[in-house]
Amino acid sequence: MPSTLIEIYQRANGQKPNARKPLGPPSDSLDCGWFLSPISQVIADGRMLTELLDQGEFAGCEKDVIPDAAVRKVWWDRHWLPILAVGSGRAPTAVLLSPAVS
């Protein structure tokens, strides 16, 4: 895990559910912005997404992924950490611990 991420979680175990200011701006009118998940939620979300991956739930979803040089074209990877939750209940945003290989 990146040292900066460890430092963030040592200072604060996520944001309170009623936090007034998200870490990131909303992407559309249905979005409430991004909030830092507590470590217990990171673990739970990561397990759930990995179980769905193992069950084949993300098969074919790669076509919707817009990769760049550092992001592999996969919907979910078991080595990612879903640290950011979107207030609207959409899928969490992850820290990529297995980036694309150039």
Foldseek 3Di string as FASTA:
>chain_A
DDPVVVVVCVVPQWDDLPDPDAPADAPDPLWPHKTFHGPVVQVVLLVVVVVCVVVVVQVPVLVVDDDDQWADSGPDDSPWTQGIDINNRDRGDTDDPPTDDD
